[in-house]
């Protein structure tokens, strides 16, 4: 009669033998990265391509994600690689985003400092946005989070008077909401209180968060400049398989400079994104016309339609406007952004670049 210990040892030995003879019994965990290799999830043309490292931030943008996965533009007749791919829903997404950005309930008032606010001025708003850029950089938040935060601030200020003492509270609460919406691991309420040197209590931030959400009617998914920017930068790159990162970083820099300027509220996000790409191409190659017929057709804007916005962004770039606001400028002087804030630019943009008849320029 065997002891309990001997019986346990025998059962353990038997289990090992079964495991060796039937290795299929041992279940393998499947990580999400391995799912991308399944043929029913990825287009064959993508599966056969060599694996490359992708910027994970690109995959947070739905239009960008589709474009990277299937190498197509948001128009059904513009397919880059695979003629067998037919995805009209990509065009539908783009049309939906363009229709959404013009909806009045998703747009801020362009003159709320005059009509709604009694204490908050355009200059105070610029200082707040410049500080939010520092906060986003401190917590390494996504560009989408920053742009969405500023959008929430402007939409709230369009309908709710705010005192000067509570403007910073509105800023951190808006960024808290945007971080929860965009980030995988957003900073907590305590961290946003800490970044203000505990000027506001946790209950203050939570209360303002609720007020902002109610004011937005919980509609937080409106497109921002960054929604269009990364895709526009890819379209504007001379080599679609190897995007021009300098153009992309410069476009990001210009779009964040645009966040500082109250005058830019009157432009649609897609107009700001297209203008940033126009100006970025001009800064990199001033002697070449920055807007080609192909770009005008694909992005839907003629150069003359971008003129006013481009000139404002150019003034911001040359510090002819908002010169005292330095957070964005210092941010893009870093190596990780290829020092694009240090690139020289001509002091003016030739008028013929905004005319319909331009020099021959290709994508």
Protein backbone atom coordinates (compact mmCIF):
# COMPACT_ATOMS: atom_id res chain seq x y z
CA UNK A 1 0.00 0.00 0.00
CA UNK A 2 1.66 3.19 -1.17
CA UNK A 3 1.78 6.32 0.91
CA UNK A 4 0.10 9.57 -0.07
CA UNK A 5 3.47 11.06 -0.98
CA UNK A 6 4.33 8.11 -3.23
CA UNK A 7 0.92 8.29 -4.91
CA UNK A 8 1.34 12.00 -5.57
CA UNK A 9 4.78 11.38 -7.04
CA UNK A 10 3.43 8.66 -9.31
CA UNK A 11 0.60 10.88 -10.59
CA UNK A 12 3.05 13.69 -11.29
CA UNK A 13 5.30 11.33 -13.28
CA UNK A 14 2.32 10.08 -15.27
CA UNK A 15 1.27 13.62 -16.09
CA UNK A 16 4.75 14.40 -17.44
CA UNK A 17 4.66 11.33 -19.68
CA UNK A 18 1.26 12.31 -21.10
CA UNK A 19 2.49 15.85 -21.70
CA UNK A 20 5.54 14.58 -23.60
CA UNK A 21 3.52 12.12 -25.70
CA UNK A 22 0.80 14.68 -26.41
CA UNK A 23 2.52 18.02 -26.78
CA UNK A 24 -0.62 19.47 -28.36
CA UNK A 25 -2.23 19.45 -24.92
CA UNK A 26 -0.01 22.32 -23.88
CA UNK A 27 -1.87 25.49 -24.88
CA UNK A 28 0.04 28.42 -26.31
CA UNK A 29 -0.96 31.96 -25.47
CA UNK A 30 -1.50 34.09 -28.57
CA UNK A 31 -0.35 37.68 -28.34
CA UNK A 32 -2.15 40.35 -30.37
CA UNK A 33 0.92 40.92 -32.51
CA UNK A 34 0.73 37.35 -33.80
CA UNK A 35 -2.87 37.85 -34.92
CA UNK A 36 -1.64 40.18 -37.64
CA UNK A 37 -0.11 37.17 -39.41
CA UNK A 38 -3.49 35.50 -39.94
CA UNK A 39 -4.48 35.66 -43.64
CA UNK A 40 -8.10 36.57 -42.92
CA UNK A 41 -7.08 39.73 -41.04
CA UNK A 42 -4.45 41.24 -43.32
CA UNK A 43 -4.41 41.86 -47.04
CA UNK A 44 -2.09 39.40 -48.87
CA UNK A 45 0.00 42.21 -50.32
CA UNK A 46 0.78 43.41 -46.81
CA UNK A 47 1.58 39.91 -45.54
CA UNK A 48 4.25 39.42 -48.19
CA UNK A 49 6.00 42.66 -47.43
CA UNK A 50 9.00 42.68 -45.05
CA UNK A 51 8.13 43.67 -41.52
CA UNK A 52 9.06 47.23 -40.60
CA UNK A 53 8.85 49.10 -37.35
CA UNK A 54 5.80 51.35 -37.31
CA UNK A 55 5.15 54.36 -35.13
CA UNK A 56 2.41 53.14 -32.81
CA UNK A 57 0.91 56.61 -32.61
CA UNK A 58 -0.03 56.35 -36.31
CA UNK A 59 -2.40 53.49 -35.58
CA UNK A 60 -4.57 55.64 -33.30
CA UNK A 61 -5.84 57.60 -36.29
CA UNK A 62 -8.51 55.57 -38.17
CA UNK A 63 -7.75 57.09 -41.57
CA UNK A 64 -4.02 56.70 -40.98
CA UNK A 65 -4.46 53.11 -39.81
CA UNK A 66 -6.34 52.14 -42.95
CA UNK A 67 -3.85 53.92 -45.16
CA UNK A 68 -0.88 52.19 -43.53
CA UNK A 69 -2.50 48.77 -43.52
CA UNK A 70 -3.66 48.81 -47.12
CA UNK A 71 -1.57 51.63 -48.57
CA UNK A 72 -4.51 53.54 -49.97
CA UNK A 73 -5.71 57.11 -49.87
CA UNK A 74 -9.22 58.01 -48.76
CA UNK A 75 -10.48 57.99 -52.33
CA UNK A 76 -11.60 54.71 -53.94
CA UNK A 77 -9.77 55.39 -57.22
CA UNK A 78 -6.40 56.25 -55.63
CA UNK A 79 -4.76 52.95 -54.67
CA UNK A 80 -1.05 52.98 -54.07
CA UNK A 81 0.03 49.35 -54.20
CA UNK A 82 -2.62 46.70 -54.59
CA UNK A 83 -5.16 47.05 -57.43
CA UNK A 84 -7.24 44.27 -55.91
CA UNK A 85 -8.06 46.26 -52.78
CA UNK A 86 -11.49 47.86 -52.88
CA UNK A 87 -12.32 49.84 -49.76
CA UNK A 88 -14.92 52.52 -50.41
CA UNK A 89 -15.40 52.85 -46.67
CA UNK A 90 -12.07 54.68 -46.47
CA UNK A 91 -13.51 57.40 -48.66
CA UNK A 92 -16.63 57.33 -46.51
CA UNK A 93 -14.54 57.87 -43.36
CA UNK A 94 -12.85 60.89 -44.89
CA UNK A 95 -16.16 62.37 -46.06
CA UNK A 96 -17.64 61.74 -42.62
CA UNK A 97 -14.76 63.52 -40.87
CA UNK A 98 -15.05 66.48 -43.24
CA UNK A 99 -18.79 66.69 -42.63
CA UNK A 100 -18.32 66.36 -38.88
CA UNK A 101 -15.80 69.19 -38.62
CA UNK A 102 -18.30 71.73 -39.97
CA UNK A 103 -21.08 70.84 -37.52
CA UNK A 104 -21.87 73.88 -35.41
CA UNK A 105 -22.16 71.94 -32.16
CA UNK A 106 -18.58 70.69 -32.59
CA UNK A 107 -17.10 74.08 -33.44
CA UNK A 108 -16.09 76.87 -31.03
CA UNK A 109 -17.34 80.41 -31.47
CA UNK A 110 -14.79 82.49 -33.31
CA UNK A 111 -15.49 85.54 -31.13
CA UNK A 112 -16.27 84.10 -27.71
CA UNK A 113 -13.82 86.40 -25.90
CA UNK A 114 -15.93 89.36 -27.01
CA UNK A 115 -19.41 87.86 -26.74
CA UNK A 116 -19.22 85.36 -23.86
CA UNK A 117 -16.19 85.96 -21.67
CA UNK A 118 -15.89 88.88 -19.27
CA UNK A 119 -12.40 88.20 -17.89
CA UNK A 120 -10.69 85.76 -20.26
CA UNK A 121 -8.86 87.40 -23.18
CA UNK A 122 -7.24 86.01 -26.31
CA UNK A 123 -3.82 86.59 -24.75
CA UNK A 124 -4.77 84.66 -21.60
CA UNK A 125 -6.03 81.80 -23.75
CA UNK A 126 -2.67 81.71 -25.57
CA UNK A 127 -0.78 81.54 -22.27
CA UNK A 128 -3.00 78.65 -21.12
CA UNK A 129 -2.48 76.71 -24.37
CA UNK A 130 1.29 77.28 -24.19
CA UNK A 131 1.24 75.85 -20.66
CA UNK A 132 -0.83 72.86 -21.77
CA UNK A 133 1.86 72.12 -24.36
CA UNK A 134 4.36 71.90 -21.49
CA UNK A 135 2.04 69.63 -19.50
CA UNK A 136 1.52 67.32 -22.48
CA UNK A 137 5.27 67.17 -23.04
CA UNK A 138 5.91 66.51 -19.35
CA UNK A 139 3.54 63.54 -19.29
CA UNK A 140 4.53 62.39 -22.82
CA UNK A 141 0.94 62.60 -24.03
CA UNK A 142 -0.08 61.99 -27.63
CA UNK A 143 -0.51 64.94 -30.03
CA UNK A 144 -4.17 63.95 -30.32
CA UNK A 145 -4.55 64.50 -26.57
CA UNK A 146 -3.13 68.02 -26.77
CA UNK A 147 -5.26 69.05 -29.74
CA UNK A 148 -8.40 67.57 -28.22
CA UNK A 149 -7.70 69.34 -24.91
CA UNK A 150 -7.52 72.73 -26.60
CA UNK A 151 -10.67 71.94 -28.57
CA UNK A 152 -12.52 71.18 -25.32
CA UNK A 153 -11.27 74.42 -23.76
CA UNK A 154 -12.46 76.51 -26.71
CA UNK A 155 -15.84 74.81 -26.93
CA UNK A 156 -16.42 75.28 -23.20
CA UNK A 157 -15.38 78.94 -23.29
CA UNK A 158 -17.77 79.48 -26.20
CA UNK A 159 -20.80 78.99 -23.94
CA UNK A 160 -19.60 79.39 -20.34
CA UNK A 161 -18.06 82.52 -18.76
CA UNK A 162 -14.95 81.58 -16.77
CA UNK A 163 -13.03 83.68 -14.27
CA UNK A 164 -9.29 84.18 -14.60
CA UNK A 165 -8.68 82.18 -11.42
CA UNK A 166 -10.44 79.12 -12.88
CA UNK A 167 -9.00 79.19 -16.39
CA UNK A 168 -6.11 76.88 -15.47
CA UNK A 169 -8.59 74.54 -13.79
CA UNK A 170 -10.52 74.37 -17.07
CA UNK A 171 -7.28 73.55 -18.86
CA UNK A 172 -6.23 70.63 -16.66
CA UNK A 173 -9.77 69.24 -16.52
CA UNK A 174 -10.04 69.36 -20.31
CA UNK A 175 -6.70 67.60 -20.65
CA UNK A 176 -7.83 64.99 -18.12
CA UNK A 177 -10.87 64.22 -20.29
CA UNK A 178 -8.81 64.18 -23.49
CA UNK A 179 -6.21 61.88 -21.90
CA UNK A 180 -8.90 59.43 -20.82
CA UNK A 181 -10.24 59.50 -24.37
CA UNK A 182 -6.90 59.07 -26.18
CA UNK A 183 -4.28 57.54 -23.88
CA UNK A 184 -3.75 53.92 -22.86
CA UNK A 185 -2.47 54.95 -19.43
CA UNK A 186 -3.69 58.50 -18.79
CA UNK A 187 -2.38 60.52 -15.84
CA UNK A 188 -4.63 60.48 -12.81
CA UNK A 189 -6.49 63.35 -11.20
CA UNK A 190 -3.81 63.65 -8.49
CA UNK A 191 -1.13 64.18 -11.13
CA UNK A 192 -3.08 66.98 -12.76
CA UNK A 193 -3.54 68.59 -9.36
CA UNK A 194 0.19 68.28 -8.73
CA UNK A 195 1.11 69.92 -12.04
CA UNK A 196 -0.72 73.04 -10.85
CA UNK A 197 1.25 73.05 -7.56
CA UNK A 198 -1.97 71.84 -5.90
CA UNK A 199 -3.67 75.14 -6.63
CA UNK A 200 -6.82 73.11 -7.10
CA UNK A 201 -8.12 70.20 -5.06
CA UNK A 202 -9.09 66.85 -6.50
CA UNK A 203 -12.76 67.67 -5.97
CA UNK A 204 -12.33 70.90 -7.98
CA UNK A 205 -10.87 69.03 -10.95
CA UNK A 206 -13.54 66.34 -10.87
CA UNK A 207 -16.31 68.93 -10.63
CA UNK A 208 -14.92 70.90 -13.58
CA UNK A 209 -14.49 67.66 -15.52
CA UNK A 210 -18.22 66.97 -15.10
CA UNK A 211 -19.09 70.54 -16.12
CA UNK A 212 -16.99 70.27 -19.29
CA UNK A 213 -18.54 66.94 -20.27
CA UNK A 214 -22.04 68.32 -19.78
CA UNK A 215 -21.18 71.41 -21.81
CA UNK A 216 -19.84 69.20 -24.61
CA UNK A 217 -22.98 67.07 -24.37
CA UNK A 218 -20.48 64.18 -24.12
CA UNK A 219 -19.57 64.66 -27.81
CA UNK A 220 -15.79 64.25 -27.60
CA UNK A 221 -14.94 62.61 -30.90
CA UNK A 222 -14.83 65.64 -33.16
CA UNK A 223 -11.91 65.70 -35.63
CA UNK A 224 -8.96 67.94 -34.78
CA UNK A 225 -6.07 69.27 -36.87
CA UNK A 226 -4.06 66.21 -35.91
CA UNK A 227 -6.80 63.91 -37.23
CA UNK A 228 -5.94 65.08 -40.74
CA UNK A 229 -2.30 66.09 -40.35
CA UNK A 230 -0.43 62.78 -40.35
CA UNK A 231 -2.37 61.57 -43.38
CA UNK A 232 -1.88 64.87 -45.24
CA UNK A 233 1.86 64.63 -44.51
CA UNK A 234 1.98 61.15 -46.03
CA UNK A 235 0.16 62.36 -49.14
CA UNK A 236 2.58 65.28 -49.46
CA UNK A 237 5.66 63.07 -49.16
CA UNK A 238 7.53 62.58 -52.38
CA UNK A 239 7.98 58.86 -51.65
CA UNK A 240 4.86 57.21 -50.29
CA UNK A 241 6.79 54.18 -49.02
CA UNK A 242 9.16 56.38 -47.05
CA UNK A 243 7.33 59.42 -45.62
CA UNK A 244 9.25 62.65 -45.25
CA UNK A 245 9.58 62.87 -41.47
CA UNK A 246 10.90 66.42 -41.67
CA UNK A 247 7.69 67.54 -43.39
CA UNK A 248 5.63 65.63 -40.84
CA UNK A 249 7.43 67.10 -37.80
CA UNK A 250 7.36 70.57 -39.30
CA UNK A 251 3.64 70.18 -39.97
CA UNK A 252 3.11 69.15 -36.34
CA UNK A 253 5.11 72.16 -35.17
CA UNK A 254 3.11 74.57 -37.30
CA UNK A 255 -0.21 73.06 -36.22
CA UNK A 256 0.73 73.46 -32.54
CA UNK A 257 1.76 77.05 -33.18
CA UNK A 258 -1.72 77.47 -34.65
CA UNK A 259 -3.22 76.30 -31.36
CA UNK A 260 -1.73 79.38 -29.69
CA UNK A 261 -3.48 81.87 -31.95
CA UNK A 262 -7.07 82.82 -31.21
CA UNK A 263 -7.45 83.98 -34.83
CA UNK A 264 -7.01 80.40 -36.03
CA UNK A 265 -10.32 79.36 -34.49
CA UNK A 266 -12.12 80.48 -37.62
CA UNK A 267 -10.37 77.86 -39.74
CA UNK A 268 -11.57 74.28 -40.02
CA UNK A 269 -9.15 71.60 -38.73
CA UNK A 270 -8.63 70.25 -42.26
CA UNK A 271 -7.78 73.76 -43.52
CA UNK A 272 -5.21 74.20 -40.73
CA UNK A 273 -3.71 70.79 -41.50
CA UNK A 274 -3.48 71.52 -45.23
CA UNK A 275 -2.00 74.98 -44.53
CA UNK A 276 0.61 73.48 -42.20
CA UNK A 277 1.69 71.07 -44.94
CA UNK A 278 1.75 73.89 -47.53
CA UNK A 279 3.99 76.01 -45.31
CA UNK A 280 6.18 73.06 -44.27
CA UNK A 281 6.90 72.26 -47.92
CA UNK A 282 7.68 75.93 -48.58
CA UNK A 283 10.09 76.16 -45.64
CA UNK A 284 11.95 73.00 -46.69
CA UNK A 285 12.11 74.00 -50.39
CA UNK A 286 11.28 77.71 -50.85
CA UNK A 287 12.21 77.64 -54.54
CA UNK A 288 9.68 74.92 -55.37
CA UNK A 289 5.95 75.56 -55.56
CA UNK A 290 4.58 73.96 -52.36
CA UNK A 291 1.16 73.05 -53.77
CA UNK A 292 0.78 70.84 -56.81
CA UNK A 293 -2.38 70.07 -58.83
CA UNK A 294 -2.31 66.56 -57.36
CA UNK A 295 -2.29 67.85 -53.79
CA UNK A 296 -5.12 70.26 -54.53
CA UNK A 297 -7.19 67.43 -56.02
CA UNK A 298 -6.49 64.86 -53.32
CA UNK A 299 -6.76 67.13 -50.27
CA UNK A 300 -9.62 69.19 -51.68
CA UNK A 301 -8.13 72.68 -51.25
CA UNK A 302 -6.72 75.10 -53.81
CA UNK A 303 -3.73 77.16 -52.70
CA UNK A 304 -5.76 80.38 -52.77
CA UNK A 305 -8.18 78.85 -50.25
CA UNK A 306 -5.29 78.30 -47.83
CA UNK A 307 -3.65 81.71 -48.23
CA UNK A 308 -5.05 83.46 -45.16
CA UNK A 309 -4.30 80.55 -42.84
CA UNK A 310 -0.83 79.96 -44.31
CA UNK A 311 0.15 83.61 -43.78
CA UNK A 312 -0.95 83.50 -40.12
CA UNK A 313 1.06 80.31 -39.53
CA UNK A 314 4.03 81.90 -41.26
CA UNK A 315 3.84 84.92 -38.94
CA UNK A 316 3.74 82.55 -35.97
CA UNK A 317 6.73 80.61 -37.33
CA UNK A 318 8.78 83.80 -37.68
CA UNK A 319 7.65 84.96 -34.20
CA UNK A 320 5.86 87.95 -35.66
CA UNK A 321 2.92 86.75 -33.58
CA UNK A 322 2.84 85.18 -30.08
CA UNK A 323 6.59 85.72 -29.70
CA UNK A 324 6.43 85.50 -25.90
CA UNK A 325 4.95 81.97 -25.97
CA UNK A 326 7.93 79.66 -26.06
CA UNK A 327 6.81 76.17 -25.01
CA UNK A 328 5.97 74.97 -28.53
CA UNK A 329 9.10 76.55 -29.98
CA UNK A 330 11.39 74.98 -27.37
CA UNK A 331 9.68 71.61 -27.78
CA UNK A 332 10.47 71.40 -31.50
CA UNK A 333 14.07 72.46 -31.06
CA UNK A 334 14.79 68.97 -29.74
CA UNK A 335 16.66 66.23 -31.59
CA UNK A 336 13.66 63.87 -31.57
CA UNK A 337 11.80 66.38 -33.75
CA UNK A 338 14.79 66.93 -36.03
CA UNK A 339 15.23 70.51 -34.75
CA UNK A 340 12.53 71.73 -37.15
CA UNK A 341 11.95 74.88 -35.07
CA UNK A 342 15.45 76.00 -36.09
CA UNK A 343 14.88 75.76 -39.85
CA UNK A 344 15.22 79.13 -41.60
CA UNK A 345 12.36 80.52 -43.67
CA UNK A 346 12.10 83.39 -46.15
CA UNK A 347 10.40 86.42 -44.65
CA UNK A 348 7.57 86.34 -47.17
CA UNK A 349 5.80 83.84 -49.42
CA UNK A 350 5.60 84.77 -53.11
CA UNK A 351 2.06 85.70 -54.15
CA UNK A 352 2.17 83.51 -57.25
CA UNK A 353 2.31 80.46 -54.96
CA UNK A 354 -1.32 81.22 -54.13
CA UNK A 355 -2.44 81.53 -57.73
CA UNK A 356 -4.12 78.78 -59.71
CA UNK A 357 -1.45 78.79 -62.39
CA UNK A 358 1.70 77.43 -60.85
CA UNK A 359 5.00 75.96 -61.82
CA UNK A 360 4.96 72.26 -62.62
CA UNK A 361 5.28 70.45 -59.32
CA UNK A 362 4.74 66.80 -58.61
CA UNK A 363 4.09 64.82 -55.47
